[in-house]
C-alpha atoms as a PDB file:
ATOM      1  CA  MET A   1      -0.504   9.576  -6.626  1.00  0.00           C
ATOM      2  CA  LYS A   2       1.606   7.446  -4.311  1.00  0.00           C
ATOM      3  CA  SER A   3       1.863   3.736  -3.704  1.00  0.00           C
ATOM      4  CA  MET A   4       1.715   2.426  -0.135  1.00  0.00           C
ATOM      5  CA  THR A   5       4.759   0.211  -0.717  1.00  0.00           C
ATOM      6  CA  GLY A   6       8.206   1.624  -0.067  1.00  0.00           C
ATOM      7  CA  PHE A   7      11.589   1.144   1.565  1.00  0.00           C
ATOM      8  CA  GLY A   8      14.284   3.454   2.925  1.00  0.00           C
ATOM      9  CA  ARG A   9      17.445   3.185   4.973  1.00  0.00           C
ATOM     10  CA  CYS A  10      20.132   5.368   6.476  1.00  0.00           C
ATOM     11  CA  GLU A  11      23.223   5.079   8.667  1.00  0.00           C
ATOM     12  CA  VAL A  12      24.712   8.095  10.444  1.00  0.00           C
ATOM     13  CA  ALA A  13      27.491   8.450  13.035  1.00  0.00           C
ATOM     14  CA  GLU A  14      28.716  11.155  15.385  1.00  0.00           C
ATOM     15  CA  ASP A  15      30.723  11.314  18.640  1.00  0.00           C
ATOM     16  CA  GLY A  16      31.227   7.572  18.707  1.00  0.00           C
ATOM     17  CA  VAL A  17      27.501   6.768  18.268  1.00  0.00           C
ATOM     18  CA  VAL A  18      26.252   4.931  15.163  1.00  0.00           C
ATOM     19  CA  VAL A  19      22.564   4.830  14.207  1.00  0.00           C
ATOM     20  CA  SER A  20      21.490   2.358  11.498  1.00  0.00           C
ATOM     21  CA  LEU A  21      17.856   2.555  10.457  1.00  0.00           C
ATOM     22  CA  ARG A  22      15.611   0.817   7.947  1.00  0.00           C
ATOM     23  CA  VAL A  23      11.958   1.564   7.287  1.00  0.00           C
ATOM     24  CA  SER A  24       9.460  -0.229   5.059  1.00  0.00           C
ATOM     25  CA  SER A  25       5.789   0.377   4.342  1.00  0.00           C
ATOM     26  CA  VAL A  26       3.015  -1.893   3.085  1.00  0.00           C
ATOM     27  CA  ASN A  27      -0.739  -1.677   2.491  1.00  0.00           C
ATOM     28  CA  ARG A  28      -3.093  -0.742   5.323  1.00  0.00           C
ATOM     29  CA  LYS A  29      -6.453   1.002   5.423  1.00  0.00           C
ATOM     30  CA  ASN A  30      -5.114   3.427   8.041  1.00  0.00           C
ATOM     31  CA  LEU A  31      -1.714   4.687   9.141  1.00  0.00           C
ATOM     32  CA  GLU A  32       0.218   2.378  11.481  1.00  0.00           C
ATOM     33  CA  VAL A  33       3.743   3.050  12.729  1.00  0.00           C
ATOM     34  CA  MET A  34       5.678   0.239  14.395  1.00  0.00           C
ATOM     35  CA  CYS A  35       9.061   1.056  15.928  1.00  0.00           C
ATOM     36  CA  SER A  36      10.973  -0.412  18.834  1.00  0.00           C
ATOM     37  CA  LEU A  37      13.522   2.007  20.263  1.00  0.00           C
ATOM     38  CA  PRO A  38      16.283   1.398  22.839  1.00  0.00           C
ATOM     39  CA  LYS A  39      15.206   2.218  26.386  1.00  0.00           C
ATOM     40  CA  GLU A  40      17.251   5.430  26.305  1.00  0.00           C
ATOM     41  CA  LEU A  41      15.180   6.655  23.323  1.00  0.00           C
ATOM     42  CA  GLN A  42      11.729   5.183  23.944  1.00  0.00           C
ATOM     43  CA  GLN A  43      10.327   8.605  24.871  1.00  0.00           C
ATOM     44  CA  LEU A  44      10.979   9.690  21.266  1.00  0.00           C
ATOM     45  CA  GLU A  45       8.626   7.155  19.660  1.00  0.00           C
ATOM     46  CA  ARG A  46       5.767   9.663  19.421  1.00  0.00           C
ATOM     47  CA  GLN A  47       8.012  12.136  17.597  1.00  0.00           C
ATOM     48  CA  VAL A  48       9.032   9.423  15.110  1.00  0.00           C
ATOM     49  CA  GLN A  49       5.331   8.723  14.477  1.00  0.00           C
ATOM     50  CA  ASP A  50       4.688  12.440  13.957  1.00  0.00           C
ATOM     51  CA  ARG A  51       7.441  12.551  11.325  1.00  0.00           C
ATOM     52  CA  VAL A  52       5.764   9.693   9.457  1.00  0.00           C
ATOM     53  CA  ARG A  53       2.374  11.434   9.569  1.00  0.00           C
ATOM     54  CA  LYS A  54       3.873  14.456   7.836  1.00  0.00           C
ATOM     55  CA  VAL A  55       4.765  12.398   4.753  1.00  0.00           C
ATOM     56  CA  ALA A  56       2.128   9.633   4.654  1.00  0.00           C
ATOM     57  CA  ALA A  57      -1.607   9.200   5.199  1.00  0.00           C
ATOM     58  CA  ARG A  58      -1.966   5.412   4.941  1.00  0.00           C
ATOM     59  CA  GLY A  59       0.136   2.282   5.227  1.00  0.00           C
ATOM     60  CA  ARG A  60       1.920   0.199   7.851  1.00  0.00           C
ATOM     61  CA  PHE A  61       5.402   1.519   8.601  1.00  0.00           C
ATOM     62  CA  GLN A  62       7.934  -0.806  10.226  1.00  0.00           C
ATOM     63  CA  PHE A  63      11.168   0.670  11.600  1.00  0.00           C
ATOM     64  CA  SER A  64      14.243  -1.486  12.200  1.00  0.00           C
ATOM     65  CA  LEU A  65      16.756   0.417  14.328  1.00  0.00           C
ATOM     66  CA  GLU A  66      20.221  -0.277  15.690  1.00  0.00           C
ATOM     67  CA  VAL A  67      22.043   2.191  17.950  1.00  0.00           C
ATOM     68  CA  ARG A  68      25.584   1.293  19.015  1.00  0.00           C
ATOM     69  CA  GLN A  69      28.804   2.739  20.299  1.00  0.00           C
ATOM     70  CA  ASP A  70      31.424   3.119  17.590  1.00  0.00           C
ATOM     71  CA  GLY A  71      33.722   0.711  19.425  1.00  0.00           C
ATOM     72  CA  ALA A  72      31.162  -2.038  18.930  1.00  0.00           C
ATOM     73  CA  ALA A  73      31.285  -1.750  15.161  1.00  0.00           C
ATOM     74  CA  ASN A  74      33.729  -4.639  14.772  1.00  0.00           C
ATOM     75  CA  GLY A  75      31.310  -7.413  15.611  1.00  0.00           C
ATOM     76  CA  GLY A  76      31.096  -6.219  19.226  1.00  0.00           C
ATOM     77  CA  LEU A  77      34.801  -6.980  20.033  1.00  0.00           C
ATOM     78  CA  PRO A  78      36.562  -4.557  22.425  1.00  0.00           C
ATOM     79  CA  SER A  79      39.583  -2.622  21.162  1.00  0.00           C
ATOM     80  CA  ASP A  80      43.189  -3.581  21.958  1.00  0.00           C
ATOM     81  CA  GLU A  81      43.474  -0.538  24.219  1.00  0.00           C
ATOM     82  CA  GLN A  82      40.450  -1.650  26.249  1.00  0.00           C
ATOM     83  CA  VAL A  83      41.853  -5.163  26.677  1.00  0.00           C
ATOM     84  CA  ASP A  84      45.330  -3.854  27.657  1.00  0.00           C
ATOM     85  CA  ALA A  85      43.841  -1.499  30.216  1.00  0.00           C
ATOM     86  CA  ALA A  86      41.753  -4.273  31.749  1.00  0.00           C
ATOM     87  CA  LEU A  87      44.779  -6.623  31.973  1.00  0.00           C
ATOM     88  CA  THR A  88      46.860  -3.902  33.638  1.00  0.00           C
ATOM     89  CA  ARG A  89      44.196  -3.414  36.277  1.00  0.00           C
ATOM     90  CA  LEU A  90      43.903  -7.160  36.875  1.00  0.00           C
ATOM     91  CA  LYS A  91      47.675  -7.471  37.196  1.00  0.00           C
ATOM     92  CA  GLY A  92      47.769  -4.706  39.801  1.00  0.00           C
ATOM     93  CA  ILE A  93      44.997  -6.369  41.803  1.00  0.00           C
ATOM     94  CA  ALA A  94      46.820  -9.718  41.681  1.00  0.00           C
ATOM     95  CA  GLU A  95      50.087  -8.168  42.855  1.00  0.00           C
ATOM     96  CA  ARG A  96      48.398  -6.419  45.798  1.00  0.00           C
ATOM     97  CA  HIS A  97      46.970  -9.715  46.924  1.00  0.00           C
ATOM     98  CA  GLY A  98      50.157 -11.680  46.288  1.00  0.00           C
ATOM     99  CA  ALA A  99      48.562 -13.818  43.637  1.00  0.00           C
ATOM    100  CA  ALA A 100      50.280 -15.156  40.545  1.00  0.00           C
ATOM    101  CA  PHE A 101      49.179 -13.449  37.331  1.00  0.00           C
ATOM    102  CA  GLU A 102      49.535 -15.098  33.939  1.00  0.00           C
ATOM    103  CA  VAL A 103      48.021 -13.950  30.665  1.00  0.00           C
ATOM    104  CA  ASN A 104      46.713 -16.847  28.596  1.00  0.00           C
ATOM    105  CA  ALA A 105      44.001 -17.492  26.023  1.00  0.00           C
ATOM    106  CA  ASP A 106      41.320 -18.290  28.616  1.00  0.00           C
ATOM    107  CA  LEU A 107      41.936 -15.037  30.466  1.00  0.00           C
ATOM    108  CA  LEU A 108      41.808 -13.016  27.235  1.00  0.00           C
ATOM    109  CA  VAL A 109      38.456 -14.586  26.301  1.00  0.00           C
ATOM    110  CA  GLN A 110      36.990 -13.850  29.740  1.00  0.00           C
ATOM    111  CA  VAL A 111      38.221 -10.253  29.703  1.00  0.00           C
ATOM    112  CA  SER A 112      36.830  -9.726  26.198  1.00  0.00           C
ATOM    113  CA  ARG A 113      33.416 -11.058  27.232  1.00  0.00           C
ATOM    114  CA  LEU A 114      33.349  -8.772  30.258  1.00  0.00           C
ATOM    115  CA  LEU A 115      34.191  -5.759  28.121  1.00  0.00           C
ATOM    116  CA  GLU A 116      31.575  -6.694  25.504  1.00  0.00           C
ATOM    117  CA  HIS A 117      28.811  -6.606  28.098  1.00  0.00           C
ATOM    118  CA  GLU A 118      30.059  -3.526  29.870  1.00  0.00           C
ATOM    119  CA  ASP A 119      27.451  -0.760  29.569  1.00  0.00           C
ATOM    120  CA  ALA A 120      29.347   2.416  28.837  1.00  0.00           C
ATOM    121  CA  GLY A 121      26.081   4.337  28.599  1.00  0.00           C
ATOM    122  CA  LEU A 122      24.579   5.844  25.457  1.00  0.00           C
ATOM    123  CA  PRO A 123      25.005   9.598  24.899  1.00  0.00           C
ATOM    124  CA  GLU A 124      21.276  10.352  24.669  1.00  0.00           C
ATOM    125  CA  LYS A 125      21.462  13.798  23.103  1.00  0.00           C
ATOM    126  CA  THR A 126      23.754  12.603  20.326  1.00  0.00           C
ATOM    127  CA  ALA A 127      21.669   9.480  19.755  1.00  0.00           C
ATOM    128  CA  GLU A 128      18.471  11.563  19.622  1.00  0.00           C
ATOM    129  CA  THR A 129      19.914  13.932  17.018  1.00  0.00           C
ATOM    130  CA  LEU A 130      21.185  11.036  14.909  1.00  0.00           C
ATOM    131  CA  LEU A 131      17.894   9.161  15.230  1.00  0.00           C
ATOM    132  CA  PHE A 132      15.843  12.028  13.803  1.00  0.00           C
ATOM    133  CA  ARG A 133      18.386  12.622  11.061  1.00  0.00           C
ATOM    134  CA  ALA A 134      18.267   8.943  10.087  1.00  0.00           C
ATOM    135  CA  VAL A 135      14.441   8.866  10.232  1.00  0.00           C
ATOM    136  CA  ASP A 136      14.104  11.907   7.977  1.00  0.00           C
ATOM    137  CA  THR A 137      16.640  10.626   5.444  1.00  0.00           C
ATOM    138  CA  ALA A 138      15.164   7.113   5.337  1.00  0.00           C
ATOM    139  CA  LEU A 139      11.642   8.516   4.980  1.00  0.00           C
ATOM    140  CA  GLU A 140      12.788  10.688   2.063  1.00  0.00           C
ATOM    141  CA  GLU A 141      14.055   7.583   0.289  1.00  0.00           C
ATOM    142  CA  LEU A 142      10.865   5.673   1.110  1.00  0.00           C
ATOM    143  CA  VAL A 143       8.585   8.486  -0.112  1.00  0.00           C
ATOM    144  CA  ALA A 144      10.562   8.757  -3.352  1.00  0.00           C
ATOM    145  CA  MET A 145      10.037   5.040  -3.921  1.00  0.00           C
ATOM    146  CA  ARG A 146       6.308   5.353  -3.160  1.00  0.00           C
ATOM    147  CA  GLU A 147       6.080   8.174  -5.703  1.00  0.00           C
ATOM    148  CA  ARG A 148       7.837   6.130  -8.399  1.00  0.00           C
ATOM    149  CA  GLU A 149       5.541   3.178  -7.806  1.00  0.00           C
ATOM    150  CA  GLY A 150       2.582   5.564  -7.685  1.00  0.00           C
ATOM    151  CA  ALA A 151       3.445   6.858 -11.161  1.00  0.00           C
ATOM    152  CA  ALA A 152       3.462   3.291 -12.473  1.00  0.00           C
ATOM    153  CA  LEU A 153       0.118   2.627 -10.756  1.00  0.00           C
ATOM    154  CA  LYS A 154      -1.367   5.763 -12.289  1.00  0.00           C
ATOM    155  CA  SER A 155      -0.301   4.726 -15.778  1.00  0.00           C
ATOM    156  CA  ASP A 156      -1.857   1.294 -15.338  1.00  0.00           C
ATOM    157  CA  LEU A 157      -5.088   2.733 -13.897  1.00  0.00           C
ATOM    158  CA  GLU A 158      -5.405   5.182 -16.792  1.00  0.00           C
ATOM    159  CA  THR A 159      -5.126   2.293 -19.236  1.00  0.00           C
ATOM    160  CA  ARG A 160      -7.680   0.181 -17.393  1.00  0.00           C
ATOM    161  CA  ARG A 161     -10.063   3.104 -17.016  1.00  0.00           C
ATOM    162  CA  GLY A 162      -9.794   3.577 -20.787  1.00  0.00           C
ATOM    163  CA  ASN A 163     -10.725  -0.086 -21.248  1.00  0.00           C
ATOM    164  CA  LEU A 164     -13.826   0.418 -19.088  1.00  0.00           C
ATOM    165  CA  VAL A 165     -14.826   3.537 -21.024  1.00  0.00           C
ATOM    166  CA  THR A 166     -14.566   1.568 -24.285  1.00  0.00           C
ATOM    167  CA  LEU A 167     -16.729  -1.245 -22.878  1.00  0.00           C
ATOM    168  CA  VAL A 168     -19.359   1.243 -21.660  1.00  0.00           C
ATOM    169  CA  GLU A 169     -19.482   2.751 -25.160  1.00  0.00           C
ATOM    170  CA  GLN A 170     -19.998  -0.700 -26.656  1.00  0.00           C
ATOM    171  CA  VAL A 171     -22.843  -1.382 -24.204  1.00  0.00           C
ATOM    172  CA  LYS A 172     -24.446   1.931 -25.194  1.00  0.00           C
ATOM    173  CA  GLU A 173     -24.366   0.844 -28.822  1.00  0.00           C
ATOM    174  CA  GLN A 174     -25.861  -2.551 -28.052  1.00  0.00           C
ATOM    175  CA  ALA A 175     -28.508  -1.477 -25.522  1.00  0.00           C
ATOM    176  CA  PRO A 176     -31.089   0.048 -27.945  1.00  0.00           C
ATOM    177  CA  GLY A 177     -31.081  -3.147 -29.996  1.00  0.00           C
ATOM    178  CA  MET A 178     -32.279  -5.226 -27.038  1.00  0.00           C
ATOM    179  CA  VAL A 179     -35.879  -3.986 -27.439  1.00  0.00           C
ATOM    180  CA  ASP A 180     -35.936  -4.597 -31.208  1.00  0.00           C
ATOM    181  CA  LYS A 181     -34.500  -8.080 -30.678  1.00  0.00           C
ATOM    182  CA  TYR A 182     -37.129  -8.810 -28.031  1.00  0.00           C
ATOM    183  CA  ARG A 183     -39.926  -7.619 -30.374  1.00  0.00           C
ATOM    184  CA  GLU A 184     -38.686  -9.946 -33.112  1.00  0.00           C
ATOM    185  CA  ASN A 185     -38.436 -12.907 -30.729  1.00  0.00           C
ATOM    186  CA  LEU A 186     -41.868 -12.201 -29.235  1.00  0.00           C
ATOM    187  CA  LEU A 187     -43.597 -12.081 -32.626  1.00  0.00           C
ATOM    188  CA  ALA A 188     -41.737 -15.208 -33.731  1.00  0.00           C
ATOM    189  CA  ARG A 189     -42.922 -17.109 -30.639  1.00  0.00           C
ATOM    190  CA  LEU A 190     -46.477 -15.912 -31.127  1.00  0.00           C
ATOM    191  CA  GLU A 191     -46.383 -17.036 -34.741  1.00  0.00           C
ATOM    192  CA  GLN A 192     -44.961 -20.427 -33.771  1.00  0.00           C
ATOM    193  CA  GLY A 193     -47.778 -20.758 -31.235  1.00  0.00           C
ATOM    194  CA  GLY A 194     -50.381 -20.108 -33.889  1.00  0.00           C
ATOM    195  CA  LEU A 195     -51.377 -16.699 -32.529  1.00  0.00           C
ATOM    196  CA  GLU A 196     -51.874 -14.200 -35.315  1.00  0.00           C
ATOM    197  CA  LEU A 197     -51.333 -10.869 -33.571  1.00  0.00           C
ATOM    198  CA  ASP A 198     -50.491  -7.700 -35.363  1.00  0.00           C
ATOM    199  CA  VAL A 199     -47.322  -5.885 -34.335  1.00  0.00           C
ATOM    200  CA  ASN A 200     -49.495  -2.900 -33.438  1.00  0.00           C
ATOM    201  CA  ASP A 201     -51.841  -4.929 -31.229  1.00  0.00           C
ATOM    202  CA  ASP A 202     -52.206  -3.252 -27.832  1.00  0.00           C
ATOM    203  CA  ARG A 203     -51.231  -6.428 -26.007  1.00  0.00           C
ATOM    204  CA  VAL A 204     -48.008  -6.751 -28.009  1.00  0.00           C
ATOM    205  CA  LEU A 205     -47.183  -3.095 -27.580  1.00  0.00           C
ATOM    206  CA  ARG A 206     -47.843  -3.307 -23.823  1.00  0.00           C
ATOM    207  CA  GLU A 207     -45.557  -6.330 -23.446  1.00  0.00           C
ATOM    208  CA  ILE A 208     -42.804  -4.642 -25.455  1.00  0.00           C
ATOM    209  CA  ALA A 209     -43.172  -1.443 -23.404  1.00  0.00           C
ATOM    210  CA  LEU A 210     -42.892  -3.389 -20.145  1.00  0.00           C
ATOM    211  CA  PHE A 211     -39.804  -5.160 -21.406  1.00  0.00           C
ATOM    212  CA  ALA A 212     -38.254  -1.897 -22.580  1.00  0.00           C
ATOM    213  CA  ASP A 213     -38.773  -0.435 -19.124  1.00  0.00           C
ATOM    214  CA  ARG A 214     -37.267  -3.476 -17.369  1.00  0.00           C
ATOM    215  CA  CYS A 215     -34.167  -3.596 -19.558  1.00  0.00           C
ATOM    216  CA  ASP A 216     -33.542   0.139 -19.798  1.00  0.00           C
ATOM    217  CA  ILE A 217     -29.970   0.743 -18.578  1.00  0.00           C
ATOM    218  CA  SER A 218     -29.637   4.330 -19.785  1.00  0.00           C
ATOM    219  CA  GLU A 219     -29.488   5.657 -16.207  1.00  0.00           C
ATOM    220  CA  GLU A 220     -26.846   3.110 -15.244  1.00  0.00           C
ATOM    221  CA  ILE A 221     -24.777   4.026 -18.287  1.00  0.00           C
ATOM    222  CA  THR A 222     -25.038   7.743 -17.467  1.00  0.00           C
ATOM    223  CA  ARG A 223     -23.889   7.132 -13.882  1.00  0.00           C
ATOM    224  CA  LEU A 224     -21.072   4.879 -15.066  1.00  0.00           C
ATOM    225  CA  GLU A 225     -19.802   7.583 -17.402  1.00  0.00           C
ATOM    226  CA  SER A 226     -19.961  10.104 -14.558  1.00  0.00           C
ATOM    227  CA  HIS A 227     -18.095   7.786 -12.150  1.00  0.00           C
ATOM    228  CA  LEU A 228     -15.365   7.085 -14.689  1.00  0.00           C
ATOM    229  CA  GLU A 229     -14.931  10.802 -15.306  1.00  0.00           C
ATOM    230  CA  GLN A 230     -14.564  11.359 -11.545  1.00  0.00           C
ATOM    231  CA  PHE A 231     -12.035   8.526 -11.492  1.00  0.00           C
ATOM    232  CA  ALA A 232      -9.954  10.304 -14.138  1.00  0.00           C
ATOM    233  CA  GLN A 233     -10.023  13.527 -12.108  1.00  0.00           C
ATOM    234  CA  LEU A 234      -9.104  11.788  -8.840  1.00  0.00           C
ATOM    235  CA  ILE A 235      -5.978  10.078 -10.123  1.00  0.00           C
ATOM    236  CA  GLU A 236      -4.603  13.472 -11.183  1.00  0.00           C
ATOM    237  CA  LYS A 237      -4.602  14.754  -7.608  1.00  0.00           C
ATOM    238  CA  GLU A 238      -1.457  14.850  -5.487  1.00  0.00           C
ATOM    239  CA  GLU A 239      -3.010  14.118  -2.080  1.00  0.00           C
ATOM    240  CA  ALA A 240      -3.979  10.703  -0.686  1.00  0.00           C
ATOM    241  CA  ILE A 241      -6.796   9.391  -2.910  1.00  0.00           C
ATOM    242  CA  GLY A 242      -6.925   5.691  -2.045  1.00  0.00           C
ATOM    243  CA  ARG A 243     -10.105   5.825   0.023  1.00  0.00           C
ATOM    244  CA  PRO A 244     -12.097   8.030  -2.399  1.00  0.00           C
ATOM    245  CA  LEU A 245     -11.058   5.699  -5.228  1.00  0.00           C
ATOM    246  CA  GLU A 246     -12.192   2.626  -3.292  1.00  0.00           C
ATOM    247  CA  PHE A 247     -15.586   4.238  -2.590  1.00  0.00           C
ATOM    248  CA  LEU A 248     -15.968   5.293  -6.221  1.00  0.00           C
ATOM    249  CA  LEU A 249     -15.198   1.756  -7.410  1.00  0.00           C
ATOM    250  CA  GLN A 250     -17.962   0.430  -5.177  1.00  0.00           C
ATOM    251  CA  GLU A 251     -20.396   2.686  -7.038  1.00  0.00           C
ATOM    252  CA  VAL A 252     -18.997   1.613 -10.404  1.00  0.00           C
ATOM    253  CA  GLY A 253     -19.462  -2.015  -9.417  1.00  0.00           C
ATOM    254  CA  ARG A 254     -23.047  -1.373  -8.351  1.00  0.00           C
ATOM    255  CA  GLU A 255     -23.941   0.155 -11.734  1.00  0.00           C
ATOM    256  CA  ILE A 256     -22.222  -2.644 -13.637  1.00  0.00           C
ATOM    257  CA  ASN A 257     -24.078  -5.302 -11.628  1.00  0.00           C
ATOM    258  CA  THR A 258     -27.425  -3.569 -12.195  1.00  0.00           C
ATOM    259  CA  SER A 259     -26.723  -3.323 -15.919  1.00  0.00           C
ATOM    260  CA  GLY A 260     -25.916  -7.026 -15.995  1.00  0.00           C
ATOM    261  CA  SER A 261     -29.124  -7.989 -14.183  1.00  0.00           C
ATOM    262  CA  LYS A 262     -31.204  -5.979 -16.679  1.00  0.00           C
ATOM    263  CA  ALA A 263     -29.400  -7.159 -19.784  1.00  0.00           C
ATOM    264  CA  SER A 264     -31.317  -9.588 -21.987  1.00  0.00           C
ATOM    265  CA  SER A 265     -28.779  -9.567 -24.786  1.00  0.00           C
ATOM    266  CA  ILE A 266     -25.980 -12.113 -24.958  1.00  0.00           C
ATOM    267  CA  GLU A 267     -23.642  -9.468 -26.329  1.00  0.00           C
ATOM    268  CA  VAL A 268     -24.457  -6.994 -23.537  1.00  0.00           C
ATOM    269  CA  SER A 269     -24.025  -9.759 -20.948  1.00  0.00           C
ATOM    270  CA  ARG A 270     -20.607 -10.565 -22.425  1.00  0.00           C
ATOM    271  CA  LEU A 271     -19.585  -6.911 -22.274  1.00  0.00           C
ATOM    272  CA  VAL A 272     -20.790  -6.637 -18.671  1.00  0.00           C
ATOM    273  CA  LEU A 273     -18.678  -9.666 -17.755  1.00  0.00           C
ATOM    274  CA  GLU A 274     -15.620  -8.019 -19.312  1.00  0.00           C
ATOM    275  CA  MET A 275     -16.391  -4.852 -17.345  1.00  0.00           C
ATOM    276  CA  LYS A 276     -16.509  -6.845 -14.103  1.00  0.00           C
ATOM    277  CA  ASN A 277     -13.150  -8.450 -14.859  1.00  0.00           C
ATOM    278  CA  GLU A 278     -11.562  -5.088 -15.649  1.00  0.00           C
ATOM    279  CA  LEU A 279     -13.062  -3.549 -12.516  1.00  0.00           C
ATOM    280  CA  GLU A 280     -11.567  -6.323 -10.378  1.00  0.00           C
ATOM    281  CA  ARG A 281      -8.109  -5.629 -11.827  1.00  0.00           C
ATOM    282  CA  ILE A 282      -8.533  -1.939 -11.020  1.00  0.00           C
ATOM    283  CA  ARG A 283      -9.575  -2.767  -7.447  1.00  0.00           C
ATOM    284  CA  GLU A 284      -6.446  -4.844  -6.951  1.00  0.00           C
ATOM    285  CA  GLN A 285      -4.299  -1.903  -8.036  1.00  0.00           C
ATOM    286  CA  VAL A 286      -6.212   0.707  -6.044  1.00  0.00           C
ATOM    287  CA  ALA A 287      -5.705  -1.405  -2.897  1.00  0.00           C
ATOM    288  CA  ASN A 288      -2.071  -0.223  -3.019  1.00  0.00           C
ATOM    289  CA  VAL A 289      -2.825   3.484  -3.584  1.00  0.00           C
ATOM    290  CA  GLU A 290      -2.221   5.777  -0.633  1.00  0.00           C
END
């Protein structure tokens, strides 16, 4: 089991090109990959998406990417050699035109700004190789984090499933007593109303039989036990199980609601309410399962 929340990062450099990449993932019903690549690498976006699909089935992936020349690593400032070369060229131009040439602070600032914005061109093949290396490494880190969080989710879901199983068992114990309690209350009301009817009177037996049929939740309990067993089997699987779990929880909720609508016992109603609360906590957790 994996969580849909994760984070990974990587920085690699080669031949004067530096690629810094971060990737994060959050909950989504489907798989979404958002990445904005430099114009030189935009044609590679589909291949980045394909790499994500190999390691994830659901979630929204956001890539943050920076590709730069190694000379721009110092806050974008040009090197001393670049500045010296530019000043030498300017001096030669000034001498050819008979103009005075003086190096001062203003000139240095202007030359630096020109060099900062100079597009030396990005070595595409090197950048492409580094991009894929960074993507794969960052995704490895992200997947590892999703697996760690998934293990914690699994542990919590096992505990909460156990709580539901215990509540279902308690409902099973209480359910048969609902008919006996109804029989006692019915006879007590008849006696209070001055109606002397024997417990074996056909009318009393018919009323009790109708009530027993209306409040019978044995089928719901059987289906609940089956759903919870399927839940236990699902969370042991390695593949993406988020959607099957969400569907299964819908069925669990349906059986719990039906049991609650049939219940005529205060104790059963209380247990059903606890089951609903526990189910809601499970749903919140499953919303983050891949």
